[in-house]
Amino acid sequence: RTASANGTGVDRYLNGAAFQDALV
């Protein structure tokens, strides 16, 4: 990368499993 960028949003309700914790 040489420029600013936005990542793709990650859904915490993936496949019906509401994830309570997240790490980047």
PDB file of all heavy atoms in Angstrom:
ATOM      1  N   ARG A   1       0.812  -1.208   0.000  1.00  0.00           N
ATOM      2  CA  ARG A   1       0.000   0.000   0.000  1.00  0.00           C
ATOM      3  C   ARG A   1       0.847   1.259   0.000  1.00  0.00           C
ATOM      4  O   ARG A   1       1.824   1.354   0.732  1.00  0.00           O
ATOM      5  CB  ARG A   1      -0.907   0.029   1.225  1.00  0.00           C
ATOM      6  CG  ARG A   1      -1.848  -1.136   1.283  1.00  0.00           C
ATOM      7  CD  ARG A   1      -2.778  -1.051   2.478  1.00  0.00           C
ATOM      8  NE  ARG A   1      -3.463  -2.305   2.655  1.00  0.00           N
ATOM      9  CZ  ARG A   1      -4.438  -2.759   1.881  1.00  0.00           C
ATOM     10  NH1 ARG A   1      -4.869  -2.039   0.889  1.00  0.00           N
ATOM     11  NH2 ARG A   1      -4.995  -3.931   2.109  1.00  0.00           N
ATOM     12  N   THR A   2       0.416   2.220  -0.812  1.00  0.00           N
ATOM     13  CA  THR A   2       1.011   3.550  -0.810  1.00  0.00           C
ATOM     14  C   THR A   2      -0.057   4.603  -0.532  1.00  0.00           C
ATOM     15  O   THR A   2       0.254   5.790  -0.471  1.00  0.00           O
ATOM     16  CB  THR A   2       1.681   3.866  -2.166  1.00  0.00           C
ATOM     17  OG1 THR A   2       0.704   3.746  -3.190  1.00  0.00           O
ATOM     18  CG2 THR A   2       2.841   2.925  -2.426  1.00  0.00           C
ATOM     19  N   ALA A   3      -1.303   4.181  -0.366  1.00  0.00           N
ATOM     20  CA  ALA A   3      -2.414   5.108  -0.147  1.00  0.00           C
ATOM     21  C   ALA A   3      -3.313   4.588   0.969  1.00  0.00           C
ATOM     22  O   ALA A   3      -3.284   3.403   1.318  1.00  0.00           O
ATOM     23  CB  ALA A   3      -3.215   5.267  -1.433  1.00  0.00           C
ATOM     24  N   SER A   4      -4.130   5.479   1.487  1.00  0.00           N
ATOM     25  CA  SER A   4      -5.093   5.114   2.522  1.00  0.00           C
ATOM     26  C   SER A   4      -6.136   4.155   1.954  1.00  0.00           C
ATOM     27  O   SER A   4      -6.392   4.156   0.749  1.00  0.00           O
ATOM     28  CB  SER A   4      -5.769   6.374   3.056  1.00  0.00           C
ATOM     29  OG  SER A   4      -4.802   7.250   3.604  1.00  0.00           O
ATOM     30  N   ALA A   5      -6.719   3.330   2.828  1.00  0.00           N
ATOM     31  CA  ALA A   5      -7.708   2.347   2.377  1.00  0.00           C
ATOM     32  C   ALA A   5      -8.639   1.968   3.521  1.00  0.00           C
ATOM     33  O   ALA A   5      -8.248   2.024   4.693  1.00  0.00           O
ATOM     34  CB  ALA A   5      -7.014   1.098   1.848  1.00  0.00           C
ATOM     35  N   ASN A   6      -9.856   1.571   3.166  1.00  0.00           N
ATOM     36  CA  ASN A   6     -10.818   1.043   4.128  1.00  0.00           C
ATOM     37  C   ASN A   6     -10.938  -0.452   3.925  1.00  0.00           C
ATOM     38  O   ASN A   6     -11.049  -0.921   2.797  1.00  0.00           O
ATOM     39  CB  ASN A   6     -12.197   1.679   3.929  1.00  0.00           C
ATOM     40  CG  ASN A   6     -12.199   3.140   4.291  1.00  0.00           C
ATOM     41  OD1 ASN A   6     -11.517   3.564   5.220  1.00  0.00           O
ATOM     42  ND2 ASN A   6     -12.968   3.914   3.558  1.00  0.00           N
ATOM     43  N   GLY A   7     -10.953  -1.183   5.026  1.00  0.00           N
ATOM     44  CA  GLY A   7     -11.161  -2.615   4.941  1.00  0.00           C
ATOM     45  C   GLY A   7     -12.625  -2.946   4.737  1.00  0.00           C
ATOM     46  O   GLY A   7     -13.499  -2.079   4.788  1.00  0.00           O
ATOM     47  N   THR A   8     -12.901  -4.205   4.520  1.00  0.00           N
ATOM     48  CA  THR A   8     -14.262  -4.722   4.392  1.00  0.00           C
ATOM     49  C   THR A   8     -14.855  -4.900   5.782  1.00  0.00           C
ATOM     50  O   THR A   8     -14.178  -5.385   6.694  1.00  0.00           O
ATOM     51  CB  THR A   8     -14.228  -6.087   3.681  1.00  0.00           C
ATOM     52  OG1 THR A   8     -13.609  -5.914   2.408  1.00  0.00           O
ATOM     53  CG2 THR A   8     -15.619  -6.658   3.507  1.00  0.00           C
ATOM     54  N   GLY A   9     -16.122  -4.530   5.939  1.00  0.00           N
ATOM     55  CA  GLY A   9     -16.787  -4.731   7.225  1.00  0.00           C
ATOM     56  C   GLY A   9     -16.955  -6.210   7.530  1.00  0.00           C
ATOM     57  O   GLY A   9     -17.270  -7.001   6.645  1.00  0.00           O
ATOM     58  N   VAL A  10     -16.730  -6.582   8.778  1.00  0.00           N
ATOM     59  CA  VAL A  10     -16.887  -7.965   9.230  1.00  0.00           C
ATOM     60  C   VAL A  10     -18.113  -8.032  10.135  1.00  0.00           C
ATOM     61  O   VAL A  10     -18.208  -7.306  11.132  1.00  0.00           O
ATOM     62  CB  VAL A  10     -15.627  -8.456   9.968  1.00  0.00           C
ATOM     63  CG1 VAL A  10     -15.859  -9.836  10.570  1.00  0.00           C
ATOM     64  CG2 VAL A  10     -14.435  -8.468   9.029  1.00  0.00           C
ATOM     65  N   ASP A  11     -19.051  -8.889   9.776  1.00  0.00           N
ATOM     66  CA  ASP A  11     -20.312  -9.045  10.503  1.00  0.00           C
ATOM     67  C   ASP A  11     -20.097  -9.935  11.720  1.00  0.00           C
ATOM     68  O   ASP A  11     -19.691 -11.090  11.592  1.00  0.00           O
ATOM     69  CB  ASP A  11     -21.355  -9.652   9.565  1.00  0.00           C
ATOM     70  CG  ASP A  11     -22.756  -9.658  10.133  1.00  0.00           C
ATOM     71  OD1 ASP A  11     -22.946  -9.320  11.327  1.00  0.00           O
ATOM     72  OD2 ASP A  11     -23.674 -10.007   9.368  1.00  0.00           O
ATOM     73  N   ARG A  12     -20.387  -9.408  12.902  1.00  0.00           N
ATOM     74  CA  ARG A  12     -20.254 -10.184  14.141  1.00  0.00           C
ATOM     75  C   ARG A  12     -21.416 -11.163  14.326  1.00  0.00           C
ATOM     76  O   ARG A  12     -21.397 -11.973  15.242  1.00  0.00           O
ATOM     77  CB  ARG A  12     -20.146  -9.246  15.336  1.00  0.00           C
ATOM     78  CG  ARG A  12     -18.847  -8.440  15.285  1.00  0.00           C
ATOM     79  CD  ARG A  12     -18.729  -7.433  16.403  1.00  0.00           C
ATOM     80  NE  ARG A  12     -18.814  -8.093  17.685  1.00  0.00           N
ATOM     81  CZ  ARG A  12     -19.323  -7.523  18.769  1.00  0.00           C
ATOM     82  NH1 ARG A  12     -19.814  -6.298  18.728  1.00  0.00           N
ATOM     83  NH2 ARG A  12     -19.361  -8.172  19.917  1.00  0.00           N
ATOM     84  N   TYR A  13     -22.428 -11.112  13.448  1.00  0.00           N
ATOM     85  CA  TYR A  13     -23.557 -12.038  13.497  1.00  0.00           C
ATOM     86  C   TYR A  13     -23.451 -13.023  12.337  1.00  0.00           C
ATOM     87  O   TYR A  13     -24.412 -13.296  11.632  1.00  0.00           O
ATOM     88  CB  TYR A  13     -24.880 -11.274  13.450  1.00  0.00           C
ATOM     89  CG  TYR A  13     -25.144 -10.523  14.719  1.00  0.00           C
ATOM     90  CD1 TYR A  13     -24.536  -9.295  14.955  1.00  0.00           C
ATOM     91  CD2 TYR A  13     -25.970 -11.043  15.697  1.00  0.00           C
ATOM     92  CE1 TYR A  13     -24.750  -8.600  16.131  1.00  0.00           C
ATOM     93  CE2 TYR A  13     -26.192 -10.352  16.872  1.00  0.00           C
ATOM     94  CZ  TYR A  13     -25.587  -9.136  17.087  1.00  0.00           C
ATOM     95  OH  TYR A  13     -25.797  -8.460  18.262  1.00  0.00           O
ATOM     96  N   LEU A  14     -22.282 -13.571  12.160  1.00  0.00           N
ATOM     97  CA  LEU A  14     -21.963 -14.462  11.063  1.00  0.00           C
ATOM     98  C   LEU A  14     -22.688 -15.803  11.196  1.00  0.00           C
ATOM     99  O   LEU A  14     -22.600 -16.462  12.228  1.00  0.00           O
ATOM    100  CB  LEU A  14     -20.452 -14.682  11.049  1.00  0.00           C
ATOM    101  CG  LEU A  14     -19.864 -15.518   9.944  1.00  0.00           C
ATOM    102  CD1 LEU A  14     -20.022 -14.797   8.609  1.00  0.00           C
ATOM    103  CD2 LEU A  14     -18.409 -15.773  10.226  1.00  0.00           C
ATOM    104  N   ASN A  15     -23.415 -16.187  10.152  1.00  0.00           N
ATOM    105  CA  ASN A  15     -24.114 -17.476  10.108  1.00  0.00           C
ATOM    106  C   ASN A  15     -24.976 -17.729  11.340  1.00  0.00           C
ATOM    107  O   ASN A  15     -25.082 -18.846  11.819  1.00  0.00           O
ATOM    108  CB  ASN A  15     -23.112 -18.633   9.940  1.00  0.00           C
ATOM    109  CG  ASN A  15     -22.374 -18.564   8.631  1.00  0.00           C
ATOM    110  OD1 ASN A  15     -22.930 -18.148   7.615  1.00  0.00           O
ATOM    111  ND2 ASN A  15     -21.111 -18.938   8.637  1.00  0.00           N
ATOM    112  N   GLY A  16     -25.576 -16.671  11.885  1.00  0.00           N
ATOM    113  CA  GLY A  16     -26.469 -16.808  13.025  1.00  0.00           C
ATOM    114  C   GLY A  16     -25.780 -16.945  14.368  1.00  0.00           C
ATOM    115  O   GLY A  16     -26.450 -17.097  15.388  1.00  0.00           O
ATOM    116  N   ALA A  17     -24.455 -16.887  14.394  1.00  0.00           N
ATOM    117  CA  ALA A  17     -23.715 -17.018  15.649  1.00  0.00           C
ATOM    118  C   ALA A  17     -23.266 -15.627  16.100  1.00  0.00           C
ATOM    119  O   ALA A  17     -22.288 -15.100  15.614  1.00  0.00           O
ATOM    120  CB  ALA A  17     -22.497 -17.922  15.467  1.00  0.00           C
ATOM    121  N   ALA A  18     -23.986 -15.016  17.008  1.00  0.00           N
ATOM    122  CA  ALA A  18     -23.665 -13.661  17.482  1.00  0.00           C
ATOM    123  C   ALA A  18     -22.389 -13.720  18.316  1.00  0.00           C
ATOM    124  O   ALA A  18     -22.401 -14.143  19.463  1.00  0.00           O
ATOM    125  CB  ALA A  18     -24.823 -13.114  18.302  1.00  0.00           C
ATOM    126  N   PHE A  19     -21.291 -13.284  17.725  1.00  0.00           N
ATOM    127  CA  PHE A  19     -19.996 -13.333  18.413  1.00  0.00           C
ATOM    128  C   PHE A  19     -19.886 -12.190  19.403  1.00  0.00           C
ATOM    129  O   PHE A  19     -20.084 -11.024  19.068  1.00  0.00           O
ATOM    130  CB  PHE A  19     -18.851 -13.276  17.404  1.00  0.00           C
ATOM    131  CG  PHE A  19     -18.702 -14.535  16.616  1.00  0.00           C
ATOM    132  CD1 PHE A  19     -19.358 -14.697  15.416  1.00  0.00           C
ATOM    133  CD2 PHE A  19     -17.925 -15.570  17.089  1.00  0.00           C
ATOM    134  CE1 PHE A  19     -19.247 -15.866  14.685  1.00  0.00           C
ATOM    135  CE2 PHE A  19     -17.794 -16.754  16.377  1.00  0.00           C
ATOM    136  CZ  PHE A  19     -18.457 -16.902  15.164  1.00  0.00           C
ATOM    137  N   GLN A  20     -19.545 -12.521  20.637  1.00  0.00           N
ATOM    138  CA  GLN A  20     -19.469 -11.538  21.704  1.00  0.00           C
ATOM    139  C   GLN A  20     -18.117 -10.833  21.755  1.00  0.00           C
ATOM    140  O   GLN A  20     -18.022  -9.723  22.272  1.00  0.00           O
ATOM    141  CB  GLN A  20     -19.756 -12.217  23.038  1.00  0.00           C
ATOM    142  CG  GLN A  20     -21.152 -12.830  23.064  1.00  0.00           C
ATOM    143  CD  GLN A  20     -21.388 -13.636  24.300  1.00  0.00           C
ATOM    144  OE1 GLN A  20     -21.576 -13.059  25.368  1.00  0.00           O
ATOM    145  NE2 GLN A  20     -21.368 -14.955  24.181  1.00  0.00           N
ATOM    146  N   ASP A  21     -17.069 -11.443  21.248  1.00  0.00           N
ATOM    147  CA  ASP A  21     -15.722 -10.892  21.347  1.00  0.00           C
ATOM    148  C   ASP A  21     -15.080 -10.791  19.971  1.00  0.00           C
ATOM    149  O   ASP A  21     -15.330 -11.617  19.093  1.00  0.00           O
ATOM    150  CB  ASP A  21     -14.843 -11.782  22.236  1.00  0.00           C
ATOM    151  CG  ASP A  21     -15.390 -11.893  23.646  1.00  0.00           C
ATOM    152  OD1 ASP A  21     -15.814 -10.852  24.195  1.00  0.00           O
ATOM    153  OD2 ASP A  21     -15.410 -13.010  24.190  1.00  0.00           O
ATOM    154  N   ALA A  22     -14.213  -9.766  19.813  1.00  0.00           N
ATOM    155  CA  ALA A  22     -13.524  -9.569  18.540  1.00  0.00           C
ATOM    156  C   ALA A  22     -12.135  -8.987  18.783  1.00  0.00           C
ATOM    157  O   ALA A  22     -11.928  -8.182  19.699  1.00  0.00           O
ATOM    158  CB  ALA A  22     -14.323  -8.646  17.638  1.00  0.00           C
ATOM    159  N   LEU A  23     -11.204  -9.413  17.953  1.00  0.00           N
ATOM    160  CA  LEU A  23      -9.846  -8.870  17.915  1.00  0.00           C
ATOM    161  C   LEU A  23      -9.541  -8.464  16.486  1.00  0.00           C
ATOM    162  O   LEU A  23      -9.883  -9.184  15.549  1.00  0.00           O
ATOM    163  CB  LEU A  23      -8.801  -9.930  18.313  1.00  0.00           C
ATOM    164  CG  LEU A  23      -8.799 -10.497  19.712  1.00  0.00           C
ATOM    165  CD1 LEU A  23      -7.795 -11.652  19.795  1.00  0.00           C
ATOM    166  CD2 LEU A  23      -8.436  -9.430  20.713  1.00  0.00           C
ATOM    167  N   VAL A  24      -8.868  -7.344  16.314  1.00  0.00           N
ATOM    168  CA  VAL A  24      -8.349  -6.964  15.015  1.00  0.00           C
ATOM    169  C   VAL A  24      -6.863  -7.292  15.038  1.00  0.00           C
ATOM    170  O   VAL A  24      -6.134  -6.864  15.938  1.00  0.00           O
ATOM    171  CB  VAL A  24      -8.575  -5.465  14.723  1.00  0.00           C
ATOM    172  CG1 VAL A  24      -7.921  -5.068  13.416  1.00  0.00           C
ATOM    173  CG2 VAL A  24     -10.072  -5.170  14.693  1.00  0.00           C
TER     174      VAL A  24
END
